[in-house]
Amino acid sequence: MTEKVKVLLVEDTLTQALILKRILESKASYSVTIAASAEKALELVYSSDDNKFDFVLADVNLPEMDGYDLVKAIRTNPATAGMTVVLLASLINREDILQIIECGADNFLYKTYDDEYLLRRLSDIIASVLMRKSGEKKEACKWKGVFGKRISIASIETDRAVDMLLSSFDTNVQQKRVASKVTQNQ
């Protein structure tokens, strides 16, 4: 029997945390630990051994320290810098995408409770991150003038940028499906 994937879920809304935990544990056999704040998540991440969590799944909208700052804190600590971090966001627009890239998150998930979509996207993200981590590091690059905003991205890998683009497209398609279902049900 293979070992369960260990997830640190950072979500301040208990109902949402429990729904996500149920989906991940019952339908994907993940082992989920919930942290209700970024501060608690950092405490758990910093105090854990290297194998305690396979990845962090964090809501962007957290009290006091948001998901972007959580990712930055994880990335600036040498002991946790390589940890896989995926952000959960309910609204994805181009500014959100830029912040996700700038903070150093591995990817993002549209916050939905469509089990099939959620599990497929998470599986794709994890597979992509594992593939990137097994390959050679690419040179650092800087992007300027994206969507009329000047940004600087340290050590972004080309594969990660492509993953973000594909995630953005997939998220857009999912949002249109949800909107279409809502329209049909009215």
Protein backbone atom coordinates (compact mmCIF):
# COMPACT_ATOMS: atom_id res chain seq x y z
CA MET A 1 0.00 0.00 0.00
CA THR A 2 1.35 3.43 -0.90
CA GLU A 3 1.67 6.17 1.66
CA LYS A 4 -1.06 8.82 1.70
CA VAL A 5 -0.28 12.30 0.36
CA LYS A 6 -0.03 14.63 3.36
CA VAL A 7 -1.70 18.02 2.88
CA LEU A 8 -1.67 21.10 5.08
CA LEU A 9 -4.94 22.87 4.30
CA VAL A 10 -4.94 26.53 5.34
CA GLU A 11 -8.53 27.78 5.47
CA ASP A 12 -10.06 30.12 8.03
CA THR A 13 -13.69 29.21 7.33
CA LEU A 14 -14.37 25.97 9.18
CA THR A 15 -17.22 24.86 6.91
CA GLN A 16 -15.10 25.28 3.78
CA ALA A 17 -12.13 23.57 5.44
CA LEU A 18 -14.25 20.56 6.41
CA ILE A 19 -15.78 20.30 2.92
CA LEU A 20 -12.34 20.34 1.30
CA LYS A 21 -10.97 17.89 3.86
CA ARG A 22 -13.86 15.49 3.18
CA ILE A 23 -13.31 15.68 -0.58
CA LEU A 24 -9.55 15.18 -0.33
CA GLU A 25 -9.69 12.37 2.21
CA SER A 26 -12.67 10.42 0.90
CA LYS A 27 -12.18 10.76 -2.84
CA ALA A 28 -8.40 11.03 -3.18
CA SER A 29 -7.18 9.30 -0.01
CA TYR A 30 -5.13 12.30 1.12
CA SER A 31 -4.29 12.88 4.76
CA VAL A 32 -5.35 16.46 5.59
CA THR A 33 -4.32 18.67 8.50
CA ILE A 34 -6.24 21.95 8.85
CA ALA A 35 -4.72 25.25 9.95
CA ALA A 36 -7.18 28.11 10.48
CA SER A 37 -4.61 30.86 9.85
CA ALA A 38 -1.37 31.50 8.02
CA GLU A 39 0.38 31.95 11.35
CA LYS A 40 -0.75 28.50 12.53
CA ALA A 41 0.29 27.04 9.16
CA LEU A 42 3.78 28.50 9.50
CA GLU A 43 4.03 27.13 13.03
CA LEU A 44 3.14 23.65 11.73
CA VAL A 45 5.42 23.89 8.68
CA TYR A 46 8.42 25.23 10.61
CA SER A 47 8.05 22.74 13.45
CA SER A 48 7.57 19.71 11.23
CA ASP A 49 10.12 17.28 9.97
CA ASP A 50 10.83 17.26 6.23
CA ASN A 51 8.21 14.59 5.55
CA LYS A 52 5.27 15.94 7.54
CA PHE A 53 3.53 17.63 4.57
CA ASP A 54 3.80 16.89 0.87
CA PHE A 55 2.22 20.22 0.01
CA VAL A 56 0.35 23.21 1.36
CA LEU A 57 -3.07 24.16 -0.03
CA ALA A 58 -3.87 27.67 1.19
CA ASP A 59 -6.75 30.09 0.74
CA VAL A 60 -5.65 33.48 -0.59
CA ASN A 61 -8.07 35.36 1.69
CA LEU A 62 -6.88 34.73 5.22
CA PRO A 63 -7.10 37.10 8.21
CA GLU A 64 -4.01 39.07 9.24
CA MET A 65 -1.56 37.31 6.87
CA ASP A 66 -2.97 36.45 3.45
CA GLY A 67 -2.04 33.46 1.28
CA TYR A 68 0.45 35.48 -0.79
CA ASP A 69 2.39 36.45 2.34
CA LEU A 70 2.21 32.86 3.57
CA VAL A 71 3.88 31.67 0.37
CA LYS A 72 6.56 34.39 0.68
CA ALA A 73 7.26 33.32 4.28
CA ILE A 74 7.58 29.68 3.25
CA ARG A 75 9.87 30.62 0.33
CA THR A 76 12.19 32.83 2.43
CA ASN A 77 12.93 30.11 5.00
CA PRO A 78 15.70 27.82 3.66
CA ALA A 79 14.17 24.81 5.45
CA THR A 80 10.84 25.20 3.64
CA ALA A 81 11.75 27.09 0.44
CA GLY A 82 11.22 24.04 -1.77
CA MET A 83 7.85 23.07 -0.31
CA THR A 84 5.01 22.83 -2.83
CA VAL A 85 2.39 25.53 -2.21
CA VAL A 86 -0.90 25.80 -4.11
CA LEU A 87 -3.20 28.76 -3.51
CA LEU A 88 -7.02 28.59 -3.45
CA ALA A 89 -8.79 31.63 -4.87
CA SER A 90 -12.48 32.33 -5.39
CA LEU A 91 -11.99 35.17 -7.85
CA ILE A 92 -9.27 34.84 -10.44
CA ASN A 93 -8.47 37.90 -12.48
CA ARG A 94 -5.23 39.00 -14.09
CA GLU A 95 -4.08 40.85 -10.97
CA ASP A 96 -4.64 37.69 -8.91
CA ILE A 97 -2.59 35.67 -11.40
CA LEU A 98 0.25 38.19 -11.24
CA GLN A 99 0.24 38.11 -7.43
CA ILE A 100 0.25 34.31 -7.46
CA ILE A 101 3.29 34.30 -9.75
CA GLU A 102 5.08 37.08 -7.87
CA CYS A 103 4.68 35.48 -4.44
CA GLY A 104 6.23 32.23 -5.68
CA ALA A 105 3.28 29.85 -5.40
CA ASP A 106 3.62 26.68 -7.45
CA ASN A 107 0.13 27.13 -8.85
CA PHE A 108 -3.46 27.91 -7.91
CA LEU A 109 -6.87 26.31 -7.80
CA TYR A 110 -10.18 27.99 -8.43
CA LYS A 111 -12.10 27.62 -5.19
CA THR A 112 -14.90 25.30 -6.19
CA TYR A 113 -16.58 22.35 -4.65
CA ASP A 114 -17.04 20.47 -7.90
CA ASP A 115 -15.22 17.38 -6.63
CA GLU A 116 -14.19 16.05 -10.02
CA TYR A 117 -12.71 19.39 -11.17
CA LEU A 118 -10.95 20.01 -7.86
CA LEU A 119 -9.33 16.57 -7.73
CA ARG A 120 -8.34 16.59 -11.42
CA ARG A 121 -6.73 20.03 -11.15
CA LEU A 122 -4.93 19.17 -7.94
CA SER A 123 -3.62 15.93 -9.43
CA ASP A 124 -2.41 17.79 -12.54
CA ILE A 125 -0.70 20.46 -10.43
CA ILE A 126 1.08 17.94 -8.22
CA ALA A 127 2.26 15.92 -11.24
CA SER A 128 3.53 19.09 -12.91
CA VAL A 129 5.36 20.28 -9.78
CA LEU A 130 7.01 16.87 -9.33
CA MET A 131 8.11 16.89 -12.96
CA ARG A 132 9.54 20.42 -12.62
CA LYS A 133 11.36 19.56 -9.39
CA SER A 134 12.97 16.51 -10.96
CA GLY A 135 14.39 18.50 -13.89
CA GLU A 136 17.15 21.04 -14.16
CA LYS A 137 16.62 24.51 -12.77
CA LYS A 138 16.19 27.16 -15.40
CA GLU A 139 17.78 30.59 -15.28
CA ALA A 140 16.01 33.36 -13.42
CA CYS A 141 14.12 35.87 -15.52
CA LYS A 142 12.24 39.11 -15.10
CA TRP A 143 9.04 40.13 -16.81
CA LYS A 144 8.06 43.74 -17.23
CA GLY A 145 4.96 45.37 -18.55
CA VAL A 146 2.51 42.49 -18.06
CA PHE A 147 -1.11 43.74 -18.36
CA GLY A 148 0.20 47.29 -18.08
CA LYS A 149 1.78 46.56 -14.72
CA ARG A 150 5.50 46.38 -14.06
CA ILE A 151 6.42 43.22 -12.18
CA SER A 152 9.59 41.39 -11.31
CA ILE A 153 9.65 37.63 -10.87
CA ALA A 154 12.69 36.02 -9.33
CA SER A 155 13.63 32.51 -10.39
CA ILE A 156 10.48 31.74 -12.33
CA GLU A 157 10.82 28.63 -14.44
CA THR A 158 9.43 28.55 -17.94
CA ASP A 159 7.48 25.38 -17.12
CA ARG A 160 5.89 27.09 -14.11
CA ALA A 161 4.84 30.04 -16.27
CA VAL A 162 3.25 27.67 -18.80
CA ASP A 163 1.48 25.84 -15.95
CA MET A 164 0.05 29.14 -14.72
CA LEU A 165 -1.20 30.02 -18.19
CA LEU A 166 -2.86 26.64 -18.59
CA SER A 167 -4.33 26.89 -15.09
CA SER A 168 -5.76 30.29 -15.95
CA PHE A 169 -7.39 28.89 -19.07
CA ASP A 170 -8.75 25.84 -17.23
CA THR A 171 -10.11 28.06 -14.45
CA ASN A 172 -11.82 30.30 -17.00
CA VAL A 173 -13.47 27.28 -18.62
CA GLN A 174 -14.62 26.00 -15.19
CA GLN A 175 -16.07 29.38 -14.22
CA LYS A 176 -18.03 29.48 -17.50
CA ARG A 177 -19.38 25.97 -16.83
CA VAL A 178 -20.52 26.97 -13.35
CA ALA A 179 -22.13 30.16 -14.68
CA SER A 180 -23.86 28.16 -17.41
CA LYS A 181 -25.29 25.68 -14.86
CA VAL A 182 -26.56 28.54 -12.70
CA THR A 183 -28.22 30.16 -15.74
CA GLN A 184 -29.83 26.87 -16.76
CA ASN A 185 -31.22 26.31 -13.26
CA GLN A 186 -32.91 29.71 -13.10
